[in-house]
Amino acid sequence: MLVLTRKKGESIVISDDIVLTVLSVDGENVKLGIAAPRNIDIYRKEVLDAIEQNNQNAAMNLETLQKTMKGFGQIS
């Protein structure tokens, strides 16, 4: 992990087209501004983790449903 120190108003550039700017610091809270192309998805880590978990649960539920239906002779 790369660790950088930035102050309010300072930025970090990623891959020429993504700019992270520190907008404010209030105690332990840091407000970041992100300038990136519209085709790049940006998520908070905990939201992305929840999306991935929901997708895994849905896939497992589909597999369970398919196995159950096979048991009843509904699908081959």
PDB file of N, CA and C in Angstrom:
ATOM      1  N   MET A   1       0.839  -1.171   0.000  1.00  0.00           N
ATOM      2  CA  MET A   1       0.000   0.000   0.000  1.00  0.00           C
ATOM      3  C   MET A   1       0.888   1.239   0.000  1.00  0.00           C
ATOM      4  N   LEU A   2       0.608   2.131  -0.897  1.00  0.00           N
ATOM      5  CA  LEU A   2       1.302   3.407  -0.938  1.00  0.00           C
ATOM      6  C   LEU A   2       0.613   4.353   0.044  1.00  0.00           C
ATOM      7  N   VAL A   3       1.374   5.001   0.901  1.00  0.00           N
ATOM      8  CA  VAL A   3       0.829   5.938   1.872  1.00  0.00           C
ATOM      9  C   VAL A   3       1.394   7.318   1.573  1.00  0.00           C
ATOM     10  N   LEU A   4       0.503   8.270   1.345  1.00  0.00           N
ATOM     11  CA  LEU A   4       0.906   9.642   1.042  1.00  0.00           C
ATOM     12  C   LEU A   4       0.267  10.588   2.044  1.00  0.00           C
ATOM     13  N   THR A   5       0.971  11.644   2.368  1.00  0.00           N
ATOM     14  CA  THR A   5       0.441  12.680   3.245  1.00  0.00           C
ATOM     15  C   THR A   5       0.043  13.876   2.393  1.00  0.00           C
ATOM     16  N   ARG A   6      -1.168  14.340   2.573  1.00  0.00           N
ATOM     17  CA  ARG A   6      -1.675  15.499   1.835  1.00  0.00           C
ATOM     18  C   ARG A   6      -2.356  16.435   2.817  1.00  0.00           C
ATOM     19  N   LYS A   7      -2.350  17.716   2.507  1.00  0.00           N
ATOM     20  CA  LYS A   7      -3.038  18.721   3.308  1.00  0.00           C
ATOM     21  C   LYS A   7      -4.265  19.193   2.543  1.00  0.00           C
ATOM     22  N   LYS A   8      -5.127  19.920   3.236  1.00  0.00           N
ATOM     23  CA  LYS A   8      -6.327  20.471   2.613  1.00  0.00           C
ATOM     24  C   LYS A   8      -5.937  21.240   1.344  1.00  0.00           C
ATOM     25  N   GLY A   9      -6.655  20.935   0.252  1.00  0.00           N
ATOM     26  CA  GLY A   9      -6.405  21.590  -1.017  1.00  0.00           C
ATOM     27  C   GLY A   9      -5.378  20.888  -1.885  1.00  0.00           C
ATOM     28  N   GLU A  10      -4.642  19.923  -1.327  1.00  0.00           N
ATOM     29  CA  GLU A  10      -3.644  19.193  -2.108  1.00  0.00           C
ATOM     30  C   GLU A  10      -4.290  17.978  -2.773  1.00  0.00           C
ATOM     31  N   SER A  11      -3.676  17.529  -3.869  1.00  0.00           N
ATOM     32  CA  SER A  11      -4.267  16.459  -4.671  1.00  0.00           C
ATOM     33  C   SER A  11      -3.281  15.337  -4.946  1.00  0.00           C
ATOM     34  N   ILE A  12      -3.841  14.225  -5.405  1.00  0.00           N
ATOM     35  CA  ILE A  12      -3.087  13.070  -5.885  1.00  0.00           C
ATOM     36  C   ILE A  12      -3.658  12.735  -7.255  1.00  0.00           C
ATOM     37  N   VAL A  13      -2.801  12.484  -8.219  1.00  0.00           N
ATOM     38  CA  VAL A  13      -3.239  12.128  -9.568  1.00  0.00           C
ATOM     39  C   VAL A  13      -2.969  10.643  -9.795  1.00  0.00           C
ATOM     40  N   ILE A  14      -3.991   9.950 -10.300  1.00  0.00           N
ATOM     41  CA  ILE A  14      -3.872   8.526 -10.602  1.00  0.00           C
ATOM     42  C   ILE A  14      -4.121   8.337 -12.091  1.00  0.00           C
ATOM     43  N   SER A  15      -3.154   7.796 -12.773  1.00  0.00           N
ATOM     44  CA  SER A  15      -3.307   7.396 -14.174  1.00  0.00           C
ATOM     45  C   SER A  15      -3.757   8.543 -15.086  1.00  0.00           C
ATOM     46  N   ASP A  16      -3.250   9.717 -14.899  1.00  0.00           N
ATOM     47  CA  ASP A  16      -3.485  10.892 -15.747  1.00  0.00           C
ATOM     48  C   ASP A  16      -4.915  11.428 -15.779  1.00  0.00           C
ATOM     49  N   ASP A  17      -5.919  10.620 -15.388  1.00  0.00           N
ATOM     50  CA  ASP A  17      -7.292  11.112 -15.537  1.00  0.00           C
ATOM     51  C   ASP A  17      -8.144  10.993 -14.278  1.00  0.00           C
ATOM     52  N   ILE A  18      -7.536  10.631 -13.149  1.00  0.00           N
ATOM     53  CA  ILE A  18      -8.248  10.583 -11.875  1.00  0.00           C
ATOM     54  C   ILE A  18      -7.495  11.464 -10.889  1.00  0.00           C
ATOM     55  N   VAL A  19      -8.206  12.418 -10.313  1.00  0.00           N
ATOM     56  CA  VAL A  19      -7.583  13.337  -9.353  1.00  0.00           C
ATOM     57  C   VAL A  19      -8.354  13.264  -8.040  1.00  0.00           C
ATOM     58  N   LEU A  20      -7.642  12.940  -6.959  1.00  0.00           N
ATOM     59  CA  LEU A  20      -8.199  12.948  -5.607  1.00  0.00           C
ATOM     60  C   LEU A  20      -7.717  14.216  -4.922  1.00  0.00           C
ATOM     61  N   THR A  21      -8.653  14.990  -4.396  1.00  0.00           N
ATOM     62  CA  THR A  21      -8.300  16.239  -3.724  1.00  0.00           C
ATOM     63  C   THR A  21      -8.843  16.221  -2.304  1.00  0.00           C
ATOM     64  N   VAL A  22      -8.012  16.577  -1.333  1.00  0.00           N
ATOM     65  CA  VAL A  22      -8.456  16.705   0.051  1.00  0.00           C
ATOM     66  C   VAL A  22      -9.220  18.020   0.156  1.00  0.00           C
ATOM     67  N   LEU A  23     -10.522  17.926   0.418  1.00  0.00           N
ATOM     68  CA  LEU A  23     -11.359  19.121   0.512  1.00  0.00           C
ATOM     69  C   LEU A  23     -11.384  19.696   1.920  1.00  0.00           C
ATOM     70  N   SER A  24     -11.425  18.810   2.920  1.00  0.00           N
ATOM     71  CA  SER A  24     -11.417  19.283   4.302  1.00  0.00           C
ATOM     72  C   SER A  24     -10.997  18.162   5.233  1.00  0.00           C
ATOM     73  N   VAL A  25     -10.516  18.565   6.392  1.00  0.00           N
ATOM     74  CA  VAL A  25     -10.153  17.636   7.453  1.00  0.00           C
ATOM     75  C   VAL A  25     -10.800  18.154   8.721  1.00  0.00           C
ATOM     76  N   ASP A  26     -11.610  17.285   9.364  1.00  0.00           N
ATOM     77  CA  ASP A  26     -12.309  17.674  10.589  1.00  0.00           C
ATOM     78  C   ASP A  26     -12.142  16.543  11.595  1.00  0.00           C
ATOM     79  N   GLY A  27     -11.136  16.661  12.457  1.00  0.00           N
ATOM     80  CA  GLY A  27     -10.842  15.589  13.408  1.00  0.00           C
ATOM     81  C   GLY A  27     -10.378  14.349  12.655  1.00  0.00           C
ATOM     82  N   GLU A  28     -11.107  13.240  12.825  1.00  0.00           N
ATOM     83  CA  GLU A  28     -10.752  11.996  12.144  1.00  0.00           C
ATOM     84  C   GLU A  28     -11.422  11.876  10.776  1.00  0.00           C
ATOM     85  N   ASN A  29     -12.254  12.825  10.405  1.00  0.00           N
ATOM     86  CA  ASN A  29     -12.959  12.770   9.121  1.00  0.00           C
ATOM     87  C   ASN A  29     -12.226  13.577   8.055  1.00  0.00           C
ATOM     88  N   VAL A  30     -12.081  12.962   6.904  1.00  0.00           N
ATOM     89  CA  VAL A  30     -11.449  13.612   5.764  1.00  0.00           C
ATOM     90  C   VAL A  30     -12.446  13.603   4.627  1.00  0.00           C
ATOM     91  N   LYS A  31     -12.673  14.751   4.016  1.00  0.00           N
ATOM     92  CA  LYS A  31     -13.576  14.840   2.868  1.00  0.00           C
ATOM     93  C   LYS A  31     -12.721  14.911   1.609  1.00  0.00           C
ATOM     94  N   LEU A  32     -12.955  13.938   0.697  1.00  0.00           N
ATOM     95  CA  LEU A  32     -12.202  13.860  -0.545  1.00  0.00           C
ATOM     96  C   LEU A  32     -13.096  14.218  -1.719  1.00  0.00           C
ATOM     97  N   GLY A  33     -12.525  14.913  -2.683  1.00  0.00           N
ATOM     98  CA  GLY A  33     -13.178  15.148  -3.958  1.00  0.00           C
ATOM     99  C   GLY A  33     -12.502  14.272  -4.990  1.00  0.00           C
ATOM    100  N   ILE A  34     -13.308  13.650  -5.864  1.00  0.00           N
ATOM    101  CA  ILE A  34     -12.754  12.753  -6.882  1.00  0.00           C
ATOM    102  C   ILE A  34     -13.197  13.240  -8.248  1.00  0.00           C
ATOM    103  N   ALA A  35     -12.239  13.558  -9.089  1.00  0.00           N
ATOM    104  CA  ALA A  35     -12.519  13.920 -10.476  1.00  0.00           C
ATOM    105  C   ALA A  35     -12.052  12.761 -11.339  1.00  0.00           C
ATOM    106  N   ALA A  36     -13.003  12.130 -12.041  1.00  0.00           N
ATOM    107  CA  ALA A  36     -12.682  10.960 -12.858  1.00  0.00           C
ATOM    108  C   ALA A  36     -13.638  10.910 -14.039  1.00  0.00           C
ATOM    109  N   PRO A  37     -13.250  10.225 -15.098  1.00  0.00           N
ATOM    110  CA  PRO A  37     -14.158  10.055 -16.230  1.00  0.00           C
ATOM    111  C   PRO A  37     -15.457   9.370 -15.787  1.00  0.00           C
ATOM    112  N   ARG A  38     -16.554   9.689 -16.452  1.00  0.00           N
ATOM    113  CA  ARG A  38     -17.857   9.141 -16.078  1.00  0.00           C
ATOM    114  C   ARG A  38     -17.934   7.622 -16.216  1.00  0.00           C
ATOM    115  N   ASN A  39     -17.103   7.037 -17.047  1.00  0.00           N
ATOM    116  CA  ASN A  39     -17.168   5.591 -17.253  1.00  0.00           C
ATOM    117  C   ASN A  39     -16.467   4.794 -16.145  1.00  0.00           C
ATOM    118  N   ILE A  40     -15.902   5.477 -15.173  1.00  0.00           N
ATOM    119  CA  ILE A  40     -15.230   4.799 -14.056  1.00  0.00           C
ATOM    120  C   ILE A  40     -16.175   4.776 -12.859  1.00  0.00           C
ATOM    121  N   ASP A  41     -16.464   3.560 -12.372  1.00  0.00           N
ATOM    122  CA  ASP A  41     -17.314   3.406 -11.194  1.00  0.00           C
ATOM    123  C   ASP A  41     -16.501   3.701  -9.943  1.00  0.00           C
ATOM    124  N   ILE A  42     -17.095   4.456  -9.028  1.00  0.00           N
ATOM    125  CA  ILE A  42     -16.428   4.791  -7.770  1.00  0.00           C
ATOM    126  C   ILE A  42     -17.377   4.419  -6.641  1.00  0.00           C
ATOM    127  N   TYR A  43     -16.913   3.566  -5.724  1.00  0.00           N
ATOM    128  CA  TYR A  43     -17.720   3.113  -4.598  1.00  0.00           C
ATOM    129  C   TYR A  43     -16.930   3.269  -3.306  1.00  0.00           C
ATOM    130  N   ARG A  44     -17.654   3.501  -2.207  1.00  0.00           N
ATOM    131  CA  ARG A  44     -17.025   3.360  -0.900  1.00  0.00           C
ATOM    132  C   ARG A  44     -16.751   1.872  -0.710  1.00  0.00           C
ATOM    133  N   LYS A  45     -15.669   1.522  -0.042  1.00  0.00           N
ATOM    134  CA  LYS A  45     -15.252   0.127   0.116  1.00  0.00           C
ATOM    135  C   LYS A  45     -16.353  -0.725   0.734  1.00  0.00           C
ATOM    136  N   GLU A  46     -17.021  -0.226   1.776  1.00  0.00           N
ATOM    137  CA  GLU A  46     -18.041  -1.034   2.446  1.00  0.00           C
ATOM    138  C   GLU A  46     -19.250  -1.273   1.536  1.00  0.00           C
ATOM    139  N   VAL A  47     -19.543  -0.340   0.643  1.00  0.00           N
ATOM    140  CA  VAL A  47     -20.641  -0.527  -0.310  1.00  0.00           C
ATOM    141  C   VAL A  47     -20.250  -1.583  -1.345  1.00  0.00           C
ATOM    142  N   LEU A  48     -19.037  -1.507  -1.863  1.00  0.00           N
ATOM    143  CA  LEU A  48     -18.566  -2.508  -2.825  1.00  0.00           C
ATOM    144  C   LEU A  48     -18.543  -3.899  -2.203  1.00  0.00           C
ATOM    145  N   ASP A  49     -18.092  -4.003  -0.955  1.00  0.00           N
ATOM    146  CA  ASP A  49     -18.088  -5.296  -0.256  1.00  0.00           C
ATOM    147  C   ASP A  49     -19.507  -5.849  -0.144  1.00  0.00           C
ATOM    148  N   ALA A  50     -20.484  -5.000   0.175  1.00  0.00           N
ATOM    149  CA  ALA A  50     -21.879  -5.439   0.295  1.00  0.00           C
ATOM    150  C   ALA A  50     -22.424  -5.892  -1.056  1.00  0.00           C
ATOM    151  N   ILE A  51     -22.103  -5.178  -2.125  1.00  0.00           N
ATOM    152  CA  ILE A  51     -22.542  -5.562  -3.469  1.00  0.00           C
ATOM    153  C   ILE A  51     -21.973  -6.931  -3.828  1.00  0.00           C
ATOM    154  N   GLU A  52     -20.675  -7.122  -3.585  1.00  0.00           N
ATOM    155  CA  GLU A  52     -20.038  -8.401  -3.898  1.00  0.00           C
ATOM    156  C   GLU A  52     -20.648  -9.540  -3.083  1.00  0.00           C
ATOM    157  N   GLN A  53     -20.932  -9.291  -1.808  1.00  0.00           N
ATOM    158  CA  GLN A  53     -21.537 -10.327  -0.963  1.00  0.00           C
ATOM    159  C   GLN A  53     -22.936 -10.672  -1.466  1.00  0.00           C
ATOM    160  N   ASN A  54     -23.719  -9.666  -1.838  1.00  0.00           N
ATOM    161  CA  ASN A  54     -25.059  -9.915  -2.371  1.00  0.00           C
ATOM    162  C   ASN A  54     -24.988 -10.721  -3.661  1.00  0.00           C
ATOM    163  N   ASN A  55     -24.017 -10.415  -4.514  1.00  0.00           N
ATOM    164  CA  ASN A  55     -23.857 -11.172  -5.755  1.00  0.00           C
ATOM    165  C   ASN A  55     -23.490 -12.629  -5.470  1.00  0.00           C
ATOM    166  N   GLN A  56     -22.609 -12.851  -4.503  1.00  0.00           N
ATOM    167  CA  GLN A  56     -22.235 -14.221  -4.140  1.00  0.00           C
ATOM    168  C   GLN A  56     -23.430 -14.978  -3.575  1.00  0.00           C
ATOM    169  N   ASN A  57     -24.213 -14.316  -2.732  1.00  0.00           N
ATOM    170  CA  ASN A  57     -25.398 -14.959  -2.157  1.00  0.00           C
ATOM    171  C   ASN A  57     -26.408 -15.309  -3.245  1.00  0.00           C
ATOM    172  N   ALA A  58     -26.591 -14.411  -4.196  1.00  0.00           N
ATOM    173  CA  ALA A  58     -27.530 -14.662  -5.286  1.00  0.00           C
ATOM    174  C   ALA A  58     -27.071 -15.844  -6.129  1.00  0.00           C
ATOM    175  N   ALA A  59     -25.774 -15.935  -6.396  1.00  0.00           N
ATOM    176  CA  ALA A  59     -25.247 -17.055  -7.178  1.00  0.00           C
ATOM    177  C   ALA A  59     -25.439 -18.364  -6.427  1.00  0.00           C
ATOM    178  N   MET A  60     -25.186 -18.362  -5.122  1.00  0.00           N
ATOM    179  CA  MET A  60     -25.361 -19.575  -4.330  1.00  0.00           C
ATOM    180  C   MET A  60     -26.829 -19.970  -4.283  1.00  0.00           C
ATOM    181  N   ASN A  61     -27.726 -18.984  -4.153  1.00  0.00           N
ATOM    182  CA  ASN A  61     -29.151 -19.271  -4.113  1.00  0.00           C
ATOM    183  C   ASN A  61     -29.617 -19.852  -5.441  1.00  0.00           C
ATOM    184  N   LEU A  62     -29.084 -19.368  -6.559  1.00  0.00           N
ATOM    185  CA  LEU A  62     -29.436 -19.897  -7.874  1.00  0.00           C
ATOM    186  C   LEU A  62     -28.976 -21.345  -7.997  1.00  0.00           C
ATOM    187  N   GLU A  63     -27.761 -21.635  -7.551  1.00  0.00           N
ATOM    188  CA  GLU A  63     -27.254 -23.009  -7.597  1.00  0.00           C
ATOM    189  C   GLU A  63     -28.124 -23.935  -6.751  1.00  0.00           C
ATOM    190  N   THR A  64     -28.501 -23.493  -5.570  1.00  0.00           N
ATOM    191  CA  THR A  64     -29.344 -24.297  -4.687  1.00  0.00           C
ATOM    192  C   THR A  64     -30.704 -24.536  -5.334  1.00  0.00           C
ATOM    193  N   LEU A  65     -31.277 -23.502  -5.933  1.00  0.00           N
ATOM    194  CA  LEU A  65     -32.563 -23.626  -6.606  1.00  0.00           C
ATOM    195  C   LEU A  65     -32.475 -24.609  -7.768  1.00  0.00           C
ATOM    196  N   GLN A  66     -31.392 -24.500  -8.563  1.00  0.00           N
ATOM    197  CA  GLN A  66     -31.227 -25.407  -9.696  1.00  0.00           C
ATOM    198  C   GLN A  66     -31.098 -26.855  -9.219  1.00  0.00           C
ATOM    199  N   LYS A  67     -30.339 -27.099  -8.158  1.00  0.00           N
ATOM    200  CA  LYS A  67     -30.187 -28.453  -7.624  1.00  0.00           C
ATOM    201  C   LYS A  67     -31.531 -28.987  -7.120  1.00  0.00           C
ATOM    202  N   THR A  68     -32.280 -28.135  -6.447  1.00  0.00           N
ATOM    203  CA  THR A  68     -33.588 -28.534  -5.937  1.00  0.00           C
ATOM    204  C   THR A  68     -34.529 -28.874  -7.082  1.00  0.00           C
ATOM    205  N   MET A  69     -34.527 -28.042  -8.117  1.00  0.00           N
ATOM    206  CA  MET A  69     -35.407 -28.289  -9.256  1.00  0.00           C
ATOM    207  C   MET A  69     -35.006 -29.556  -9.996  1.00  0.00           C
ATOM    208  N   LYS A  70     -33.702 -29.830 -10.092  1.00  0.00           N
ATOM    209  CA  LYS A  70     -33.244 -31.070 -10.720  1.00  0.00           C
ATOM    210  C   LYS A  70     -33.773 -32.263  -9.933  1.00  0.00           C
ATOM    211  N   GLY A  71     -33.770 -32.127  -8.619  1.00  0.00           N
ATOM    212  CA  GLY A  71     -34.276 -33.197  -7.754  1.00  0.00           C
ATOM    213  C   GLY A  71     -35.743 -33.480  -8.001  1.00  0.00           C
ATOM    214  N   PHE A  72     -36.489 -32.477  -8.417  1.00  0.00           N
ATOM    215  CA  PHE A  72     -37.909 -32.642  -8.724  1.00  0.00           C
ATOM    216  C   PHE A  72     -38.127 -32.933 -10.200  1.00  0.00           C
ATOM    217  N   GLY A  73     -37.021 -33.053 -10.974  1.00  0.00           N
ATOM    218  CA  GLY A  73     -37.146 -33.356 -12.393  1.00  0.00           C
ATOM    219  C   GLY A  73     -37.611 -32.177 -13.227  1.00  0.00           C
ATOM    220  N   GLN A  74     -37.445 -30.960 -12.702  1.00  0.00           N
ATOM    221  CA  GLN A  74     -37.905 -29.763 -13.416  1.00  0.00           C
ATOM    222  C   GLN A  74     -36.935 -29.321 -14.485  1.00  0.00           C
ATOM    223  N   ILE A  75     -35.626 -29.491 -14.267  1.00  0.00           N
ATOM    224  CA  ILE A  75     -34.617 -29.132 -15.260  1.00  0.00           C
ATOM    225  C   ILE A  75     -33.612 -30.247 -15.366  1.00  0.00           C
ATOM    226  N   SER A  76     -32.996 -30.311 -16.519  1.00  0.00           N
ATOM    227  CA  SER A  76     -32.023 -31.385 -16.722  1.00  0.00           C
ATOM    228  C   SER A  76     -30.627 -30.847 -16.786  1.00  0.00           C
TER     229      SER A  76
END
